[in-house]
Amino acid sequence: MSRKEKREREQKLSTRQLINTKAVSDYSLETYDGDDLVYFMIRPTNLSVLSDSSVGARVYALMNVLKGVAEIEMLCLNSRENFEENKSFLRKRAEEERNPVVRRLLERDQREV
């Protein structure tokens, strides 16, 4: 099968089919293989304003949660990087835009970001 045929076939699939997901709940995905994939979203806090004991308690609580998971995969995302990419996209898009009204809107969006 050529790359083009494969890409066309994948475009026809739903998102759930692409990620092999049978059902979605508030905290997990059930796959067609019978596995449940559980997701934890951990948001950072400003540790510089917390006491040492408070930081230690948070680390200990996270450690206890992660200890109970047999297999774990971690993905760390930095929202700042995505934010910078968004700004870069708007800047590039405004430069390429020929319609002056759309260009002004893109530039306004860029200033507000």
N, C-alpha and C. Protein backbone atom coordinates (compact mmCIF):
# COMPACT_ATOMS: atom_id res chain seq x y z
N MET A 1 0.84 -1.17 0.00
CA MET A 1 0.00 0.00 0.00
C MET A 1 0.90 1.24 0.00
N SER A 2 0.60 2.19 -0.87
CA SER A 2 1.43 3.38 -0.97
C SER A 2 1.14 4.32 0.20
N ARG A 3 2.03 5.27 0.39
CA ARG A 3 1.84 6.24 1.48
C ARG A 3 0.56 7.03 1.28
N LYS A 4 0.29 7.39 0.04
CA LYS A 4 -0.90 8.18 -0.26
C LYS A 4 -2.17 7.39 0.08
N GLU A 5 -2.20 6.11 -0.29
CA GLU A 5 -3.37 5.28 0.02
C GLU A 5 -3.53 5.11 1.53
N LYS A 6 -2.40 4.92 2.21
CA LYS A 6 -2.45 4.75 3.66
C LYS A 6 -2.96 6.03 4.33
N ARG A 7 -2.48 7.18 3.87
CA ARG A 7 -2.91 8.45 4.44
C ARG A 7 -4.40 8.68 4.19
N GLU A 8 -4.88 8.35 2.99
CA GLU A 8 -6.30 8.51 2.68
C GLU A 8 -7.15 7.59 3.55
N ARG A 9 -6.68 6.37 3.77
CA ARG A 9 -7.41 5.43 4.62
C ARG A 9 -7.48 5.93 6.06
N GLU A 10 -6.35 6.46 6.56
CA GLU A 10 -6.31 6.97 7.93
C GLU A 10 -7.19 8.19 8.10
N GLN A 11 -7.31 9.01 7.06
CA GLN A 11 -8.14 10.21 7.16
C GLN A 11 -9.62 9.85 7.28
N LYS A 12 -9.99 8.69 6.80
CA LYS A 12 -11.39 8.26 6.88
C LYS A 12 -11.73 7.66 8.23
N LEU A 13 -10.72 7.30 9.01
CA LEU A 13 -10.95 6.71 10.33
C LEU A 13 -11.34 7.79 11.33
N SER A 14 -12.13 7.42 12.31
CA SER A 14 -12.46 8.35 13.38
C SER A 14 -11.26 8.46 14.32
N THR A 15 -11.27 9.46 15.15
CA THR A 15 -10.18 9.65 16.11
C THR A 15 -10.08 8.46 17.04
N ARG A 16 -11.21 7.94 17.50
CA ARG A 16 -11.17 6.78 18.39
C ARG A 16 -10.55 5.57 17.72
N GLN A 17 -10.85 5.37 16.45
CA GLN A 17 -10.25 4.24 15.74
C GLN A 17 -8.74 4.43 15.60
N LEU A 18 -8.33 5.65 15.35
CA LEU A 18 -6.90 5.92 15.16
C LEU A 18 -6.10 5.64 16.43
N ILE A 19 -6.68 5.90 17.58
CA ILE A 19 -5.95 5.67 18.83
C ILE A 19 -6.39 4.39 19.52
N ASN A 20 -7.14 3.54 18.78
CA ASN A 20 -7.55 2.22 19.25
C ASN A 20 -8.37 2.30 20.54
N THR A 21 -9.34 3.22 20.56
CA THR A 21 -10.11 3.46 21.78
C THR A 21 -11.56 3.04 21.60
N LYS A 22 -12.02 2.21 22.51
CA LYS A 22 -13.40 1.73 22.49
C LYS A 22 -14.34 2.69 23.22
N ALA A 23 -13.91 3.19 24.38
CA ALA A 23 -14.74 4.09 25.18
C ALA A 23 -13.85 5.11 25.89
N VAL A 24 -14.44 6.26 26.20
CA VAL A 24 -13.74 7.33 26.88
C VAL A 24 -14.53 7.71 28.13
N SER A 25 -13.85 7.73 29.27
CA SER A 25 -14.50 8.19 30.50
C SER A 25 -13.81 9.48 30.95
N ASP A 26 -14.19 9.96 32.11
CA ASP A 26 -13.59 11.20 32.62
C ASP A 26 -12.11 11.07 32.92
N TYR A 27 -11.65 9.86 33.19
CA TYR A 27 -10.27 9.68 33.62
C TYR A 27 -9.50 8.60 32.87
N SER A 28 -10.14 7.91 31.91
CA SER A 28 -9.41 6.83 31.25
C SER A 28 -9.95 6.56 29.85
N LEU A 29 -9.19 5.74 29.13
CA LEU A 29 -9.59 5.26 27.81
C LEU A 29 -9.63 3.74 27.87
N GLU A 30 -10.68 3.14 27.33
CA GLU A 30 -10.74 1.68 27.23
C GLU A 30 -10.41 1.32 25.79
N THR A 31 -9.40 0.50 25.60
CA THR A 31 -8.97 0.13 24.26
C THR A 31 -9.68 -1.13 23.80
N TYR A 32 -9.60 -1.40 22.50
CA TYR A 32 -10.18 -2.62 21.95
C TYR A 32 -9.43 -3.86 22.43
N ASP A 33 -8.22 -3.67 22.93
CA ASP A 33 -7.44 -4.79 23.46
C ASP A 33 -7.88 -5.17 24.87
N GLY A 34 -8.82 -4.41 25.44
CA GLY A 34 -9.29 -4.68 26.79
C GLY A 34 -8.52 -3.94 27.86
N ASP A 35 -7.57 -3.12 27.49
CA ASP A 35 -6.77 -2.36 28.46
C ASP A 35 -7.50 -1.07 28.82
N ASP A 36 -7.31 -0.64 30.05
CA ASP A 36 -7.76 0.68 30.48
C ASP A 36 -6.53 1.55 30.65
N LEU A 37 -6.50 2.65 29.94
CA LEU A 37 -5.41 3.60 30.06
C LEU A 37 -5.89 4.75 30.93
N VAL A 38 -5.27 4.94 32.07
CA VAL A 38 -5.68 5.98 33.01
C VAL A 38 -4.73 7.16 32.87
N TYR A 39 -5.29 8.35 32.89
CA TYR A 39 -4.51 9.56 32.74
C TYR A 39 -4.63 10.42 33.98
N PHE A 40 -3.51 10.94 34.44
CA PHE A 40 -3.47 11.90 35.52
C PHE A 40 -2.93 13.20 34.96
N MET A 41 -3.60 14.27 35.21
CA MET A 41 -3.07 15.57 34.80
C MET A 41 -2.52 16.24 36.05
N ILE A 42 -1.27 16.54 36.00
CA ILE A 42 -0.61 17.17 37.14
C ILE A 42 -0.27 18.59 36.74
N ARG A 43 -0.81 19.52 37.47
CA ARG A 43 -0.54 20.93 37.18
C ARG A 43 0.47 21.45 38.19
N PRO A 44 1.43 22.21 37.71
CA PRO A 44 2.45 22.72 38.63
C PRO A 44 1.88 23.83 39.53
N THR A 45 2.47 23.95 40.68
CA THR A 45 2.14 25.06 41.58
C THR A 45 3.41 25.87 41.77
N ASN A 46 3.24 27.03 42.28
CA ASN A 46 4.39 27.89 42.53
C ASN A 46 5.07 27.41 43.81
N LEU A 47 6.07 26.57 43.66
CA LEU A 47 6.74 25.97 44.82
C LEU A 47 7.51 26.99 45.63
N SER A 48 7.86 28.10 45.03
CA SER A 48 8.68 29.08 45.75
C SER A 48 7.91 29.73 46.90
N VAL A 49 6.58 29.67 46.88
CA VAL A 49 5.80 30.29 47.96
C VAL A 49 5.38 29.27 49.02
N LEU A 50 5.70 27.99 48.82
CA LEU A 50 5.33 26.95 49.77
C LEU A 50 6.47 26.68 50.74
N SER A 51 6.11 26.24 51.92
CA SER A 51 7.13 25.86 52.90
C SER A 51 7.76 24.54 52.48
N ASP A 52 8.92 24.24 53.05
CA ASP A 52 9.62 22.99 52.74
C ASP A 52 8.75 21.78 53.07
N SER A 53 8.04 21.84 54.18
CA SER A 53 7.20 20.70 54.57
C SER A 53 6.02 20.53 53.60
N SER A 54 5.49 21.62 53.11
CA SER A 54 4.38 21.55 52.15
C SER A 54 4.85 20.96 50.82
N VAL A 55 6.02 21.36 50.37
CA VAL A 55 6.59 20.79 49.13
C VAL A 55 6.84 19.30 49.32
N GLY A 56 7.40 18.94 50.46
CA GLY A 56 7.65 17.53 50.77
C GLY A 56 6.37 16.71 50.79
N ALA A 57 5.30 17.28 51.34
CA ALA A 57 4.02 16.57 51.39
C ALA A 57 3.46 16.35 49.99
N ARG A 58 3.62 17.33 49.13
CA ARG A 58 3.14 17.18 47.74
C ARG A 58 3.93 16.11 46.99
N VAL A 59 5.23 16.10 47.17
CA VAL A 59 6.08 15.10 46.51
C VAL A 59 5.72 13.71 47.03
N TYR A 60 5.52 13.59 48.32
CA TYR A 60 5.18 12.31 48.93
C TYR A 60 3.83 11.80 48.41
N ALA A 61 2.84 12.70 48.31
CA ALA A 61 1.51 12.31 47.80
C ALA A 61 1.61 11.83 46.35
N LEU A 62 2.37 12.55 45.53
CA LEU A 62 2.55 12.13 44.14
C LEU A 62 3.26 10.79 44.07
N MET A 63 4.26 10.59 44.89
CA MET A 63 4.99 9.33 44.92
C MET A 63 4.05 8.17 45.25
N ASN A 64 3.15 8.37 46.21
CA ASN A 64 2.20 7.32 46.58
C ASN A 64 1.25 6.97 45.44
N VAL A 65 0.83 7.96 44.70
CA VAL A 65 -0.04 7.69 43.55
C VAL A 65 0.71 6.89 42.50
N LEU A 66 1.92 7.30 42.19
CA LEU A 66 2.69 6.64 41.14
C LEU A 66 3.16 5.24 41.55
N LYS A 67 3.36 5.00 42.84
CA LYS A 67 3.76 3.68 43.32
C LYS A 67 2.71 2.62 43.03
N GLY A 68 1.45 3.03 43.02
CA GLY A 68 0.36 2.08 42.82
C GLY A 68 0.12 1.70 41.37
N VAL A 69 0.88 2.26 40.46
CA VAL A 69 0.70 1.99 39.04
C VAL A 69 1.80 1.05 38.57
N ALA A 70 1.39 -0.13 38.07
CA ALA A 70 2.38 -1.14 37.67
C ALA A 70 3.21 -0.67 36.47
N GLU A 71 2.54 -0.29 35.41
CA GLU A 71 3.24 0.20 34.23
C GLU A 71 2.88 1.66 34.07
N ILE A 72 3.89 2.46 33.86
CA ILE A 72 3.62 3.90 33.76
C ILE A 72 4.44 4.49 32.63
N GLU A 73 3.82 5.35 31.89
CA GLU A 73 4.49 6.15 30.87
C GLU A 73 4.22 7.59 31.23
N MET A 74 5.25 8.41 31.18
CA MET A 74 5.07 9.80 31.54
C MET A 74 5.33 10.68 30.34
N LEU A 75 4.52 11.70 30.23
CA LEU A 75 4.67 12.69 29.17
C LEU A 75 4.65 14.05 29.84
N CYS A 76 5.71 14.79 29.70
CA CYS A 76 5.80 16.11 30.31
C CYS A 76 5.69 17.16 29.21
N LEU A 77 4.74 18.04 29.36
CA LEU A 77 4.52 19.09 28.37
C LEU A 77 4.77 20.44 28.99
N ASN A 78 5.31 21.32 28.21
CA ASN A 78 5.57 22.66 28.67
C ASN A 78 4.64 23.59 27.91
N SER A 79 3.66 24.16 28.58
CA SER A 79 2.69 25.01 27.89
C SER A 79 3.35 26.25 27.32
N ARG A 80 4.45 26.67 27.89
CA ARG A 80 5.14 27.85 27.37
C ARG A 80 5.64 27.59 25.95
N GLU A 81 6.16 26.41 25.69
CA GLU A 81 6.62 26.08 24.34
C GLU A 81 5.46 26.14 23.36
N ASN A 82 4.33 25.60 23.73
CA ASN A 82 3.17 25.64 22.84
C ASN A 82 2.71 27.07 22.61
N PHE A 83 2.77 27.88 23.66
CA PHE A 83 2.38 29.27 23.56
C PHE A 83 3.29 30.00 22.57
N GLU A 84 4.59 29.74 22.66
CA GLU A 84 5.54 30.37 21.75
C GLU A 84 5.29 29.92 20.31
N GLU A 85 4.96 28.64 20.14
CA GLU A 85 4.66 28.14 18.80
C GLU A 85 3.41 28.81 18.25
N ASN A 86 2.42 29.03 19.09
CA ASN A 86 1.20 29.71 18.65
C ASN A 86 1.49 31.13 18.20
N LYS A 87 2.32 31.83 18.96
CA LYS A 87 2.68 33.19 18.58
C LYS A 87 3.43 33.19 17.25
N SER A 88 4.33 32.26 17.09
CA SER A 88 5.09 32.15 15.86
C SER A 88 4.18 31.85 14.68
N PHE A 89 3.20 30.97 14.88
CA PHE A 89 2.26 30.63 13.82
C PHE A 89 1.46 31.87 13.40
N LEU A 90 0.96 32.63 14.37
CA LEU A 90 0.19 33.83 14.05
C LEU A 90 1.04 34.85 13.29
N ARG A 91 2.28 35.00 13.70
CA ARG A 91 3.17 35.94 13.03
C ARG A 91 3.40 35.52 11.58
N LYS A 92 3.69 34.24 11.37
CA LYS A 92 3.93 33.74 10.01
C LYS A 92 2.68 33.83 9.16
N ARG A 93 1.55 33.49 9.76
CA ARG A 93 0.27 33.52 9.04
C ARG A 93 -0.08 34.94 8.62
N ALA A 94 0.18 35.93 9.48
CA ALA A 94 -0.09 37.33 9.15
C ALA A 94 0.80 37.81 8.01
N GLU A 95 2.04 37.35 7.99
CA GLU A 95 2.95 37.73 6.92
C GLU A 95 2.50 37.19 5.57
N GLU A 96 1.90 36.01 5.56
CA GLU A 96 1.48 35.36 4.31
C GLU A 96 0.11 35.83 3.83
N GLU A 97 -0.68 36.41 4.72
CA GLU A 97 -2.06 36.78 4.39
C GLU A 97 -2.10 37.96 3.43
N ARG A 98 -2.91 37.84 2.36
CA ARG A 98 -3.03 38.90 1.37
C ARG A 98 -4.21 39.82 1.65
N ASN A 99 -5.21 39.29 2.32
CA ASN A 99 -6.38 40.10 2.64
C ASN A 99 -6.04 41.01 3.82
N PRO A 100 -6.11 42.34 3.63
CA PRO A 100 -5.70 43.25 4.71
C PRO A 100 -6.57 43.16 5.96
N VAL A 101 -7.84 42.87 5.81
CA VAL A 101 -8.72 42.74 6.97
C VAL A 101 -8.32 41.54 7.82
N VAL A 102 -8.10 40.40 7.15
CA VAL A 102 -7.69 39.20 7.86
C VAL A 102 -6.32 39.41 8.49
N ARG A 103 -5.42 40.09 7.78
CA ARG A 103 -4.07 40.36 8.31
C ARG A 103 -4.17 41.18 9.59
N ARG A 104 -5.02 42.22 9.60
CA ARG A 104 -5.18 43.04 10.81
C ARG A 104 -5.73 42.21 11.97
N LEU A 105 -6.68 41.32 11.66
CA LEU A 105 -7.23 40.46 12.71
C LEU A 105 -6.16 39.54 13.29
N LEU A 106 -5.33 38.97 12.42
CA LEU A 106 -4.24 38.11 12.88
C LEU A 106 -3.24 38.89 13.74
N GLU A 107 -2.94 40.11 13.31
CA GLU A 107 -2.02 40.93 14.07
C GLU A 107 -2.62 41.32 15.42
N ARG A 108 -3.92 41.58 15.46
CA ARG A 108 -4.60 41.89 16.72
C ARG A 108 -4.56 40.68 17.64
N ASP A 109 -4.83 39.49 17.08
CA ASP A 109 -4.75 38.26 17.88
C ASP A 109 -3.35 38.07 18.46
N GLN A 110 -2.37 38.41 17.66
CA GLN A 110 -0.98 38.26 18.10
C GLN A 110 -0.68 39.21 19.26
N ARG A 111 -1.19 40.42 19.21
CA ARG A 111 -0.96 41.39 20.30
C ARG A 111 -1.67 40.95 21.58
N GLU A 112 -2.83 40.32 21.44
CA GLU A 112 -3.62 39.91 22.59
C GLU A 112 -3.10 38.64 23.23
N VAL A 113 -2.28 37.89 22.51
CA VAL A 113 -1.71 36.64 23.03
C VAL A 113 -0.60 36.95 23.89
